[in-house]
C-alpha atoms as a PDB file:
ATOM      1  CA  UNK A   1      68.623   2.473  13.396  1.00  0.00           C
ATOM      2  CA  UNK A   2      70.957   0.413  15.162  1.00  0.00           C
ATOM      3  CA  UNK A   3      69.154  -2.676  16.210  1.00  0.00           C
ATOM      4  CA  UNK A   4      70.211  -5.545  19.349  1.00  0.00           C
ATOM      5  CA  UNK A   5      69.814  -8.948  19.664  1.00  0.00           C
ATOM      6  CA  UNK A   6      70.262 -11.347  22.719  1.00  0.00           C
ATOM      7  CA  UNK A   7      73.521 -12.928  21.524  1.00  0.00           C
ATOM      8  CA  UNK A   8      74.827  -8.935  21.500  1.00  0.00           C
ATOM      9  CA  UNK A   9      74.910  -8.692  17.697  1.00  0.00           C
ATOM     10  CA  UNK A  10      74.777  -5.313  16.447  1.00  0.00           C
ATOM     11  CA  UNK A  11      72.762  -4.015  13.087  1.00  0.00           C
ATOM     12  CA  UNK A  12      73.052  -0.987  11.722  1.00  0.00           C
ATOM     13  CA  UNK A  13      72.384   0.737   8.589  1.00  0.00           C
ATOM     14  CA  UNK A  14      75.243   3.440   9.715  1.00  0.00           C
ATOM     15  CA  UNK A  15      78.501   2.718   8.441  1.00  0.00           C
ATOM     16  CA  UNK A  16      80.214   5.006  11.832  1.00  0.00           C
ATOM     17  CA  UNK A  17      78.953   2.263  14.524  1.00  0.00           C
ATOM     18  CA  UNK A  18      80.224  -0.860  14.623  1.00  0.00           C
ATOM     19  CA  UNK A  19      80.607  -3.961  16.885  1.00  0.00           C
ATOM     20  CA  UNK A  20      82.188  -3.922  20.148  1.00  0.00           C
ATOM     21  CA  UNK A  21      84.118  -7.017  18.632  1.00  0.00           C
ATOM     22  CA  UNK A  22      85.048  -5.366  15.342  1.00  0.00           C
ATOM     23  CA  UNK A  23      89.171  -4.353  14.951  1.00  0.00           C
ATOM     24  CA  UNK A  24      88.901  -0.232  15.085  1.00  0.00           C
ATOM     25  CA  UNK A  25      90.827   0.587  12.029  1.00  0.00           C
ATOM     26  CA  UNK A  26      87.912  -1.690  10.376  1.00  0.00           C
ATOM     27  CA  UNK A  27      84.857   0.072   9.705  1.00  0.00           C
ATOM     28  CA  UNK A  28      81.580  -1.680   9.685  1.00  0.00           C
ATOM     29  CA  UNK A  29      79.442  -2.989   6.710  1.00  0.00           C
ATOM     30  CA  UNK A  30      76.222  -1.338   6.403  1.00  0.00           C
ATOM     31  CA  UNK A  31      72.908  -4.193   6.966  1.00  0.00           C
ATOM     32  CA  UNK A  32      70.124  -2.716   6.333  1.00  0.00           C
ATOM     33  CA  UNK A  33      67.013  -3.658   8.203  1.00  0.00           C
ATOM     34  CA  UNK A  34      64.267  -5.288   6.211  1.00  0.00           C
ATOM     35  CA  UNK A  35      61.640  -3.430   7.982  1.00  0.00           C
ATOM     36  CA  UNK A  36      61.449   0.999   7.562  1.00  0.00           C
ATOM     37  CA  UNK A  37      62.727   3.069   5.288  1.00  0.00           C
ATOM     38  CA  UNK A  38      66.173   4.625   4.518  1.00  0.00           C
ATOM     39  CA  UNK A  39      67.684   7.422   3.196  1.00  0.00           C
ATOM     40  CA  UNK A  40      70.406   8.080   0.494  1.00  0.00           C
ATOM     41  CA  UNK A  41      73.454   8.098   3.030  1.00  0.00           C
ATOM     42  CA  UNK A  42      72.593   5.399   4.428  1.00  0.00           C
ATOM     43  CA  UNK A  43      72.311   2.811   1.205  1.00  0.00           C
ATOM     44  CA  UNK A  44      74.527   3.980  -1.219  1.00  0.00           C
ATOM     45  CA  UNK A  45      77.307   2.306   0.705  1.00  0.00           C
ATOM     46  CA  UNK A  46      76.209  -0.881  -0.645  1.00  0.00           C
ATOM     47  CA  UNK A  47      75.282   0.077  -4.319  1.00  0.00           C
ATOM     48  CA  UNK A  48      77.873  -0.028  -6.980  1.00  0.00           C
ATOM     49  CA  UNK A  49      76.911   3.718  -8.524  1.00  0.00           C
ATOM     50  CA  UNK A  50      77.176   7.474  -6.760  1.00  0.00           C
ATOM     51  CA  UNK A  51      74.400   9.449  -5.846  1.00  0.00           C
ATOM     52  CA  UNK A  52      73.170  11.343  -9.297  1.00  0.00           C
ATOM     53  CA  UNK A  53      72.952   7.017 -10.902  1.00  0.00           C
ATOM     54  CA  UNK A  54      70.608   6.504  -7.623  1.00  0.00           C
ATOM     55  CA  UNK A  55      68.469   9.518  -8.237  1.00  0.00           C
ATOM     56  CA  UNK A  56      68.360   9.044 -11.853  1.00  0.00           C
ATOM     57  CA  UNK A  57      67.739   4.839 -11.541  1.00  0.00           C
ATOM     58  CA  UNK A  58      64.649   5.944  -8.996  1.00  0.00           C
ATOM     59  CA  UNK A  59      63.399   8.246 -11.436  1.00  0.00           C
ATOM     60  CA  UNK A  60      62.996   6.130 -14.682  1.00  0.00           C
ATOM     61  CA  UNK A  61      62.250   3.079 -12.913  1.00  0.00           C
ATOM     62  CA  UNK A  62      65.658   1.023 -13.289  1.00  0.00           C
ATOM     63  CA  UNK A  63      65.550   1.446  -8.810  1.00  0.00           C
ATOM     64  CA  UNK A  64      62.961   1.285  -6.474  1.00  0.00           C
ATOM     65  CA  UNK A  65      61.363   4.635  -6.625  1.00  0.00           C
ATOM     66  CA  UNK A  66      61.671   6.939  -3.781  1.00  0.00           C
ATOM     67  CA  UNK A  67      59.088   8.639  -1.291  1.00  0.00           C
ATOM     68  CA  UNK A  68      58.945  12.669  -0.512  1.00  0.00           C
ATOM     69  CA  UNK A  69      58.806  12.219   3.584  1.00  0.00           C
ATOM     70  CA  UNK A  70      59.366  16.489   3.469  1.00  0.00           C
ATOM     71  CA  UNK A  71      60.240  19.324   0.964  1.00  0.00           C
ATOM     72  CA  UNK A  72      63.778  18.367   1.282  1.00  0.00           C
ATOM     73  CA  UNK A  73      63.716  14.580   3.002  1.00  0.00           C
ATOM     74  CA  UNK A  74      63.750  11.512   0.435  1.00  0.00           C
ATOM     75  CA  UNK A  75      63.862   7.649   1.627  1.00  0.00           C
ATOM     76  CA  UNK A  76      63.679   4.289   0.555  1.00  0.00           C
ATOM     77  CA  UNK A  77      61.573   1.186   1.492  1.00  0.00           C
ATOM     78  CA  UNK A  78      64.842  -1.103   2.955  1.00  0.00           C
ATOM     79  CA  UNK A  79      62.856  -4.233   1.265  1.00  0.00           C
ATOM     80  CA  UNK A  80      62.259  -2.414  -2.298  1.00  0.00           C
ATOM     81  CA  UNK A  81      66.328  -1.649  -1.420  1.00  0.00           C
ATOM     82  CA  UNK A  82      67.136  -5.620  -0.880  1.00  0.00           C
ATOM     83  CA  UNK A  83      65.343  -6.944  -2.952  1.00  0.00           C
ATOM     84  CA  UNK A  84      66.760  -4.875  -5.980  1.00  0.00           C
ATOM     85  CA  UNK A  85      70.296  -5.821  -4.323  1.00  0.00           C
ATOM     86  CA  UNK A  86      69.673  -9.933  -4.211  1.00  0.00           C
ATOM     87  CA  UNK A  87      67.844  -9.726  -7.715  1.00  0.00           C
ATOM     88  CA  UNK A  88      71.290  -7.287  -9.120  1.00  0.00           C
ATOM     89  CA  UNK A  89      73.975  -9.790  -7.265  1.00  0.00           C
ATOM     90  CA  UNK A  90      72.380 -12.602  -8.660  1.00  0.00           C
ATOM     91  CA  UNK A  91      71.821 -10.970 -11.844  1.00  0.00           C
ATOM     92  CA  UNK A  92      76.121  -9.818 -11.544  1.00  0.00           C
ATOM     93  CA  UNK A  93      77.227 -13.348 -10.901  1.00  0.00           C
ATOM     94  CA  UNK A  94      75.121 -14.969 -13.128  1.00  0.00           C
ATOM     95  CA  UNK A  95      76.822 -12.937 -15.748  1.00  0.00           C
ATOM     96  CA  UNK A  96      80.651 -13.845 -14.513  1.00  0.00           C
ATOM     97  CA  UNK A  97      79.726 -17.459 -14.431  1.00  0.00           C
ATOM     98  CA  UNK A  98      78.412 -17.370 -18.115  1.00  0.00           C
ATOM     99  CA  UNK A  99      81.301 -14.779 -19.128  1.00  0.00           C
ATOM    100  CA  UNK A 100      78.248 -12.898 -20.555  1.00  0.00           C
ATOM    101  CA  UNK A 101      78.201  -8.861 -20.477  1.00  0.00           C
ATOM    102  CA  UNK A 102      75.446  -6.569 -20.210  1.00  0.00           C
ATOM    103  CA  UNK A 103      75.756  -5.754 -23.872  1.00  0.00           C
ATOM    104  CA  UNK A 104      75.947  -9.536 -24.820  1.00  0.00           C
ATOM    105  CA  UNK A 105      72.271 -11.303 -25.790  1.00  0.00           C
ATOM    106  CA  UNK A 106      71.786 -14.623 -24.227  1.00  0.00           C
END
C-alpha cells in the first residue's frame, strides 16, 4: 500500500517501494499507516522478533491479536501494532536509561 501526498512524500508498508529521492542502494523504511490492516510480511520488518514469535505472542496476548481474514490469511490492525510499538519502544528506552533489564524489579 502506498499513499501519496501533495508534497510527493511516499509512505509505504511495502519495503520494496521507495521514495524517488532515496538512493537505490538503500531500502525504504517500512511505515504503517494508522488505519487499515497489515499482514505479517508487512509488520515483521518493524518488529525485533521472528514470524514464529509474532504468531505465538499474538495467541498469548503479548502482541495484538491477529484477525483471520480467510482460511489462509491473517492480519493485524495497524493502529494496534503502532500502539504496541510505541509502548515497547518507550519501555526499551526507559530500561536503557535506568539500567534495568527485563529480569530486574524496579
